[in-house]
Amino acid sequence: MTEQPYHHGKLREALLERAMETIEEVGVDGLSLRQLARDVNVSHGAPAKHFRDKQALIDALAMAGFELMNSRIQTASEAGGSLRERFVGVAKAYVGFAVAHPALLTVMYSTKHHPDSSTELRNTGGQGIEIAQAMIVEAQDAGELAPGDPATLAMVCFVSLHGAALLAAGKHLEGIPVSDAIAATTDTLWAGMAAGVQAAQGN
């Protein structure tokens, strides 16, 4: 009998990696545990050791997607350069991830906001905005941004960049290069925060 190629804990990672590729190729509806097993050359029952059903696989995909995205955002936030350059770097990391993984991005947020989503997934899904908030506080302390509620400002940045990311991922920027959209969005956000433009608070 031929030895299967995935063992010692590597099968789960292999299945998730192939699942990420699959949803970008054929969408979530085309995702099948049996097909994934065939794709990575293991028995049909092998995936059940890690994912009890398709929904469990989707939940794991969402978590893996957020972890991958957060890692890229964190790396960008810690890169060299000025605070403003790091802010732009985070925006590029986020939009770049969305463009590279549009189907995964949809799975991530739809799963995170599902009523049955886990606390762990919701917390992991919120780490990106926490990184942005920490950068805003750092820039405020350095005198580069005006005082203002960091949580509200980070939320505004997220909403703006998420919109740009979705448009870029869906190729709906009306011919505007993605790099230009990122530059315009980050320029406007930074200028507003530096000038002390206050985001409206809900009543």
C-alpha atoms as a PDB file:
ATOM      1  CA  MET A   1       0.000   0.000   0.000  1.00  0.00           C
ATOM      2  CA  THR A   2       1.332   3.428  -0.965  1.00  0.00           C
ATOM      3  CA  GLU A   3       2.037   5.700   2.005  1.00  0.00           C
ATOM      4  CA  GLN A   4      -0.121   8.805   2.050  1.00  0.00           C
ATOM      5  CA  PRO A   5       1.855  12.055   1.723  1.00  0.00           C
ATOM      6  CA  TYR A   6       0.311  13.900   4.684  1.00  0.00           C
ATOM      7  CA  HIS A   7       0.958  12.783   8.223  1.00  0.00           C
ATOM      8  CA  HIS A   8       2.214  13.984  11.597  1.00  0.00           C
ATOM      9  CA  GLY A   9      -0.286  16.840  11.753  1.00  0.00           C
ATOM     10  CA  LYS A  10       0.217  18.162   8.237  1.00  0.00           C
ATOM     11  CA  LEU A  11      -3.044  16.921   6.745  1.00  0.00           C
ATOM     12  CA  ARG A  12      -5.163  19.664   8.315  1.00  0.00           C
ATOM     13  CA  GLU A  13      -2.923  22.379   6.881  1.00  0.00           C
ATOM     14  CA  ALA A  14      -2.900  20.698   3.479  1.00  0.00           C
ATOM     15  CA  LEU A  15      -6.689  20.474   3.417  1.00  0.00           C
ATOM     16  CA  LEU A  16      -7.083  24.124   4.401  1.00  0.00           C
ATOM     17  CA  GLU A  17      -4.583  25.247   1.799  1.00  0.00           C
ATOM     18  CA  ARG A  18      -6.367  23.306  -0.929  1.00  0.00           C
ATOM     19  CA  ALA A  19      -9.753  24.540   0.317  1.00  0.00           C
ATOM     20  CA  MET A  20      -8.546  28.153  -0.003  1.00  0.00           C
ATOM     21  CA  GLU A  21      -7.555  27.452  -3.585  1.00  0.00           C
ATOM     22  CA  THR A  22     -10.833  25.672  -4.309  1.00  0.00           C
ATOM     23  CA  ILE A  23     -13.135  28.483  -3.190  1.00  0.00           C
ATOM     24  CA  GLU A  24     -11.223  30.956  -5.343  1.00  0.00           C
ATOM     25  CA  GLU A  25     -11.577  28.583  -8.309  1.00  0.00           C
ATOM     26  CA  VAL A  26     -15.190  27.396  -7.971  1.00  0.00           C
ATOM     27  CA  GLY A  27     -16.696  29.163  -4.963  1.00  0.00           C
ATOM     28  CA  VAL A  28     -17.859  27.842  -1.607  1.00  0.00           C
ATOM     29  CA  ASP A  29     -20.642  25.788  -3.201  1.00  0.00           C
ATOM     30  CA  GLY A  30     -17.997  23.757  -4.991  1.00  0.00           C
ATOM     31  CA  LEU A  31     -16.219  22.884  -1.760  1.00  0.00           C
ATOM     32  CA  SER A  32     -16.390  19.190  -0.890  1.00  0.00           C
ATOM     33  CA  LEU A  33     -14.549  17.212   1.763  1.00  0.00           C
ATOM     34  CA  ARG A  34     -14.458  14.177  -0.516  1.00  0.00           C
ATOM     35  CA  GLN A  35     -12.980  16.199  -3.381  1.00  0.00           C
ATOM     36  CA  LEU A  36     -10.419  17.766  -1.066  1.00  0.00           C
ATOM     37  CA  ALA A  37      -9.412  14.268   0.029  1.00  0.00           C
ATOM     38  CA  ARG A  38      -8.894  13.307  -3.607  1.00  0.00           C
ATOM     39  CA  ASP A  39      -6.980  16.514  -4.294  1.00  0.00           C
ATOM     40  CA  VAL A  40      -4.448  15.867  -1.530  1.00  0.00           C
ATOM     41  CA  ASN A  41      -4.373  12.111  -2.168  1.00  0.00           C
ATOM     42  CA  VAL A  42      -5.799  10.756   1.071  1.00  0.00           C
ATOM     43  CA  SER A  43      -8.731   8.449   1.825  1.00  0.00           C
ATOM     44  CA  HIS A  44     -12.255   9.878   1.695  1.00  0.00           C
ATOM     45  CA  GLY A  45     -12.620   9.515   5.440  1.00  0.00           C
ATOM     46  CA  ALA A  46      -9.336  11.185   6.366  1.00  0.00           C
ATOM     47  CA  PRO A  47     -10.660  14.801   6.435  1.00  0.00           C
ATOM     48  CA  ALA A  48     -13.262  13.803   9.051  1.00  0.00           C
ATOM     49  CA  LYS A  49     -10.446  13.479  11.575  1.00  0.00           C
ATOM     50  CA  HIS A  50     -10.053  17.261  11.387  1.00  0.00           C
ATOM     51  CA  PHE A  51     -13.419  18.584  10.127  1.00  0.00           C
ATOM     52  CA  ARG A  52     -16.683  16.914  11.148  1.00  0.00           C
ATOM     53  CA  ASP A  53     -18.518  18.424   8.176  1.00  0.00           C
ATOM     54  CA  LYS A  54     -18.347  21.139   5.527  1.00  0.00           C
ATOM     55  CA  GLN A  55     -19.419  23.863   7.963  1.00  0.00           C
ATOM     56  CA  ALA A  56     -16.571  22.971  10.300  1.00  0.00           C
ATOM     57  CA  LEU A  57     -14.210  23.286   7.357  1.00  0.00           C
ATOM     58  CA  ILE A  58     -15.649  26.706   6.474  1.00  0.00           C
ATOM     59  CA  ASP A  59     -15.274  27.852  10.091  1.00  0.00           C
ATOM     60  CA  ALA A  60     -11.644  26.742  10.046  1.00  0.00           C
ATOM     61  CA  LEU A  61     -11.123  28.490   6.703  1.00  0.00           C
ATOM     62  CA  ALA A  62     -12.415  31.748   8.176  1.00  0.00           C
ATOM     63  CA  MET A  63     -10.067  31.460  11.150  1.00  0.00           C
ATOM     64  CA  ALA A  64      -7.094  30.606   8.942  1.00  0.00           C
ATOM     65  CA  GLY A  65      -7.930  33.521   6.650  1.00  0.00           C
ATOM     66  CA  PHE A  66      -8.022  36.024   9.502  1.00  0.00           C
ATOM     67  CA  GLU A  67      -4.786  34.660  10.925  1.00  0.00           C
ATOM     68  CA  LEU A  68      -3.071  35.016   7.562  1.00  0.00           C
ATOM     69  CA  MET A  69      -4.444  38.512   6.995  1.00  0.00           C
ATOM     70  CA  ASN A  70      -3.604  39.640  10.529  1.00  0.00           C
ATOM     71  CA  SER A  71      -0.048  38.404  10.104  1.00  0.00           C
ATOM     72  CA  ARG A  72       0.386  40.499   6.969  1.00  0.00           C
ATOM     73  CA  ILE A  73      -1.163  43.570   8.610  1.00  0.00           C
ATOM     74  CA  GLN A  74       0.991  43.149  11.727  1.00  0.00           C
ATOM     75  CA  THR A  75       4.148  42.830   9.627  1.00  0.00           C
ATOM     76  CA  ALA A  76       3.254  45.990   7.705  1.00  0.00           C
ATOM     77  CA  SER A  77       2.531  47.899  10.928  1.00  0.00           C
ATOM     78  CA  GLU A  78       5.970  47.015  12.285  1.00  0.00           C
ATOM     79  CA  ALA A  79       7.898  47.817   9.100  1.00  0.00           C
ATOM     80  CA  GLY A  80      10.436  50.620   8.926  1.00  0.00           C
ATOM     81  CA  GLY A  81       9.542  54.126   7.841  1.00  0.00           C
ATOM     82  CA  SER A  82       7.410  56.908   9.216  1.00  0.00           C
ATOM     83  CA  LEU A  83       4.098  56.352  10.951  1.00  0.00           C
ATOM     84  CA  ARG A  84       2.287  57.547   7.849  1.00  0.00           C
ATOM     85  CA  GLU A  85       4.270  55.161   5.643  1.00  0.00           C
ATOM     86  CA  ARG A  86       3.432  52.289   7.990  1.00  0.00           C
ATOM     87  CA  PHE A  87      -0.244  53.306   7.886  1.00  0.00           C
ATOM     88  CA  VAL A  88      -0.173  53.154   4.099  1.00  0.00           C
ATOM     89  CA  GLY A  89       1.633  49.820   4.318  1.00  0.00           C
ATOM     90  CA  VAL A  90      -1.158  48.369   6.447  1.00  0.00           C
ATOM     91  CA  ALA A  91      -3.720  49.585   3.916  1.00  0.00           C
ATOM     92  CA  LYS A  92      -1.777  47.984   1.078  1.00  0.00           C
ATOM     93  CA  ALA A  93      -1.540  44.717   3.021  1.00  0.00           C
ATOM     94  CA  TYR A  94      -5.286  44.652   3.651  1.00  0.00           C
ATOM     95  CA  VAL A  95      -6.368  45.559   0.131  1.00  0.00           C
ATOM     96  CA  GLY A  96      -3.721  43.289  -1.356  1.00  0.00           C
ATOM     97  CA  PHE A  97      -5.037  40.362   0.672  1.00  0.00           C
ATOM     98  CA  ALA A  98      -8.589  41.084  -0.508  1.00  0.00           C
ATOM     99  CA  VAL A  99      -7.535  41.202  -4.155  1.00  0.00           C
ATOM    100  CA  ALA A 100      -5.589  37.942  -3.829  1.00  0.00           C
ATOM    101  CA  HIS A 101      -8.317  36.121  -1.859  1.00  0.00           C
ATOM    102  CA  PRO A 102     -11.739  37.649  -2.673  1.00  0.00           C
ATOM    103  CA  ALA A 103     -13.762  34.491  -2.032  1.00  0.00           C
ATOM    104  CA  LEU A 104     -11.892  33.806   1.199  1.00  0.00           C
ATOM    105  CA  LEU A 105     -12.514  37.380   2.386  1.00  0.00           C
ATOM    106  CA  THR A 106     -16.251  36.864   1.892  1.00  0.00           C
ATOM    107  CA  VAL A 107     -16.145  33.588   3.835  1.00  0.00           C
ATOM    108  CA  MET A 108     -14.169  35.246   6.638  1.00  0.00           C
ATOM    109  CA  TYR A 109     -16.614  38.051   7.287  1.00  0.00           C
ATOM    110  CA  SER A 110     -19.821  36.118   6.655  1.00  0.00           C
ATOM    111  CA  THR A 111     -18.654  33.427   9.083  1.00  0.00           C
ATOM    112  CA  LYS A 112     -17.462  35.951  11.680  1.00  0.00           C
ATOM    113  CA  HIS A 113     -20.840  37.716  11.697  1.00  0.00           C
ATOM    114  CA  HIS A 114     -22.917  34.536  11.781  1.00  0.00           C
ATOM    115  CA  PRO A 115     -24.939  34.226  15.012  1.00  0.00           C
ATOM    116  CA  ASP A 116     -23.210  30.921  15.784  1.00  0.00           C
ATOM    117  CA  SER A 117     -19.661  32.171  15.268  1.00  0.00           C
ATOM    118  CA  SER A 118     -17.216  31.416  18.063  1.00  0.00           C
ATOM    119  CA  THR A 119     -15.777  34.011  20.427  1.00  0.00           C
ATOM    120  CA  GLU A 120     -12.315  32.993  19.228  1.00  0.00           C
ATOM    121  CA  LEU A 121     -13.210  33.745  15.617  1.00  0.00           C
ATOM    122  CA  ARG A 122     -14.803  37.087  16.488  1.00  0.00           C
ATOM    123  CA  ASN A 123     -11.755  38.085  18.520  1.00  0.00           C
ATOM    124  CA  THR A 124      -9.347  37.009  15.803  1.00  0.00           C
ATOM    125  CA  GLY A 125     -11.459  38.806  13.216  1.00  0.00           C
ATOM    126  CA  GLY A 126     -11.161  42.027  15.212  1.00  0.00           C
ATOM    127  CA  GLN A 127      -7.390  42.021  15.556  1.00  0.00           C
ATOM    128  CA  GLY A 128      -6.825  43.974  12.354  1.00  0.00           C
ATOM    129  CA  ILE A 129      -8.790  46.972  13.580  1.00  0.00           C
ATOM    130  CA  GLU A 130      -6.996  46.710  16.939  1.00  0.00           C
ATOM    131  CA  ILE A 131      -3.660  47.027  15.121  1.00  0.00           C
ATOM    132  CA  ALA A 132      -4.957  50.121  13.325  1.00  0.00           C
ATOM    133  CA  GLN A 133      -6.173  51.591  16.603  1.00  0.00           C
ATOM    134  CA  ALA A 134      -2.768  51.063  18.218  1.00  0.00           C
ATOM    135  CA  MET A 135      -1.083  52.823  15.288  1.00  0.00           C
ATOM    136  CA  ILE A 136      -3.463  55.788  15.630  1.00  0.00           C
ATOM    137  CA  VAL A 137      -2.668  56.083  19.337  1.00  0.00           C
ATOM    138  CA  GLU A 138       1.052  55.946  18.544  1.00  0.00           C
ATOM    139  CA  ALA A 139       0.667  58.686  15.922  1.00  0.00           C
ATOM    140  CA  GLN A 140      -1.410  60.823  18.293  1.00  0.00           C
ATOM    141  CA  ASP A 141       1.209  60.455  21.036  1.00  0.00           C
ATOM    142  CA  ALA A 142       3.867  61.508  18.522  1.00  0.00           C
ATOM    143  CA  GLY A 143       1.860  64.596  17.609  1.00  0.00           C
ATOM    144  CA  GLU A 144       1.344  63.517  14.006  1.00  0.00           C
ATOM    145  CA  LEU A 145      -2.406  63.052  14.405  1.00  0.00           C
ATOM    146  CA  ALA A 146      -4.798  65.284  16.316  1.00  0.00           C
ATOM    147  CA  PRO A 147      -6.516  64.061  19.489  1.00  0.00           C
ATOM    148  CA  GLY A 148      -9.643  62.011  18.909  1.00  0.00           C
ATOM    149  CA  ASP A 149     -11.227  58.754  19.968  1.00  0.00           C
ATOM    150  CA  PRO A 150      -8.884  56.067  18.569  1.00  0.00           C
ATOM    151  CA  ALA A 151     -11.596  53.406  18.443  1.00  0.00           C
ATOM    152  CA  THR A 152     -13.896  55.601  16.361  1.00  0.00           C
ATOM    153  CA  LEU A 153     -11.075  56.694  14.064  1.00  0.00           C
ATOM    154  CA  ALA A 154      -9.934  53.091  13.570  1.00  0.00           C
ATOM    155  CA  MET A 155     -13.512  52.114  12.719  1.00  0.00           C
ATOM    156  CA  VAL A 156     -13.703  54.877  10.089  1.00  0.00           C
ATOM    157  CA  CYS A 157     -10.383  53.736   8.615  1.00  0.00           C
ATOM    158  CA  PHE A 158     -11.603  50.145   8.494  1.00  0.00           C
ATOM    159  CA  VAL A 159     -14.889  51.065   6.811  1.00  0.00           C
ATOM    160  CA  SER A 160     -13.077  53.146   4.188  1.00  0.00           C
ATOM    161  CA  LEU A 161     -10.385  50.573   3.468  1.00  0.00           C
ATOM    162  CA  HIS A 162     -12.807  47.654   3.511  1.00  0.00           C
ATOM    163  CA  GLY A 163     -14.884  49.447   0.889  1.00  0.00           C
ATOM    164  CA  ALA A 164     -11.790  49.994  -1.232  1.00  0.00           C
ATOM    165  CA  ALA A 165     -10.794  46.367  -0.733  1.00  0.00           C
ATOM    166  CA  LEU A 166     -14.178  45.024  -1.831  1.00  0.00           C
ATOM    167  CA  LEU A 167     -14.243  47.261  -4.904  1.00  0.00           C
ATOM    168  CA  ALA A 168     -10.691  46.272  -5.810  1.00  0.00           C
ATOM    169  CA  ALA A 169     -11.361  42.565  -5.244  1.00  0.00           C
ATOM    170  CA  GLY A 170     -14.493  42.731  -7.389  1.00  0.00           C
ATOM    171  CA  LYS A 171     -12.714  44.743 -10.095  1.00  0.00           C
ATOM    172  CA  HIS A 172     -15.246  47.567  -9.649  1.00  0.00           C
ATOM    173  CA  LEU A 173     -12.867  50.526  -9.470  1.00  0.00           C
ATOM    174  CA  GLU A 174     -13.946  51.780 -12.908  1.00  0.00           C
ATOM    175  CA  GLY A 175     -10.460  51.528 -14.336  1.00  0.00           C
ATOM    176  CA  ILE A 176      -8.742  53.265 -11.413  1.00  0.00           C
ATOM    177  CA  PRO A 177      -5.521  51.425 -10.504  1.00  0.00           C
ATOM    178  CA  VAL A 178      -5.699  49.752  -7.106  1.00  0.00           C
ATOM    179  CA  SER A 179      -2.564  51.615  -6.012  1.00  0.00           C
ATOM    180  CA  ASP A 180      -4.219  54.955  -6.829  1.00  0.00           C
ATOM    181  CA  ALA A 181      -7.346  54.010  -4.879  1.00  0.00           C
ATOM    182  CA  ILE A 182      -5.254  53.073  -1.851  1.00  0.00           C
ATOM    183  CA  ALA A 183      -3.243  56.295  -2.092  1.00  0.00           C
ATOM    184  CA  ALA A 184      -6.357  58.480  -2.343  1.00  0.00           C
ATOM    185  CA  THR A 185      -8.076  56.687   0.531  1.00  0.00           C
ATOM    186  CA  THR A 186      -5.084  56.780   2.885  1.00  0.00           C
ATOM    187  CA  ASP A 187      -4.254  60.401   1.974  1.00  0.00           C
ATOM    188  CA  THR A 188      -7.801  61.469   2.838  1.00  0.00           C
ATOM    189  CA  LEU A 189      -7.946  59.450   6.051  1.00  0.00           C
ATOM    190  CA  TRP A 190      -4.572  60.665   7.295  1.00  0.00           C
ATOM    191  CA  ALA A 191      -5.270  64.298   6.416  1.00  0.00           C
ATOM    192  CA  GLY A 192      -8.614  64.167   8.223  1.00  0.00           C
ATOM    193  CA  MET A 193      -7.120  62.605  11.342  1.00  0.00           C
ATOM    194  CA  ALA A 194      -4.187  65.032  11.304  1.00  0.00           C
ATOM    195  CA  ALA A 195      -6.547  68.004  11.006  1.00  0.00           C
ATOM    196  CA  GLY A 196      -8.696  66.735  13.852  1.00  0.00           C
ATOM    197  CA  VAL A 197     -11.852  66.103  11.855  1.00  0.00           C
ATOM    198  CA  GLN A 198     -14.133  64.412  14.350  1.00  0.00           C
ATOM    199  CA  ALA A 199     -16.182  61.388  13.362  1.00  0.00           C
ATOM    200  CA  ALA A 200     -19.797  61.726  14.444  1.00  0.00           C
ATOM    201  CA  GLN A 201     -20.770  59.681  17.469  1.00  0.00           C
ATOM    202  CA  GLY A 202     -24.082  57.807  17.468  1.00  0.00           C
ATOM    203  CA  ASN A 203     -26.779  59.126  19.807  1.00  0.00           C
END
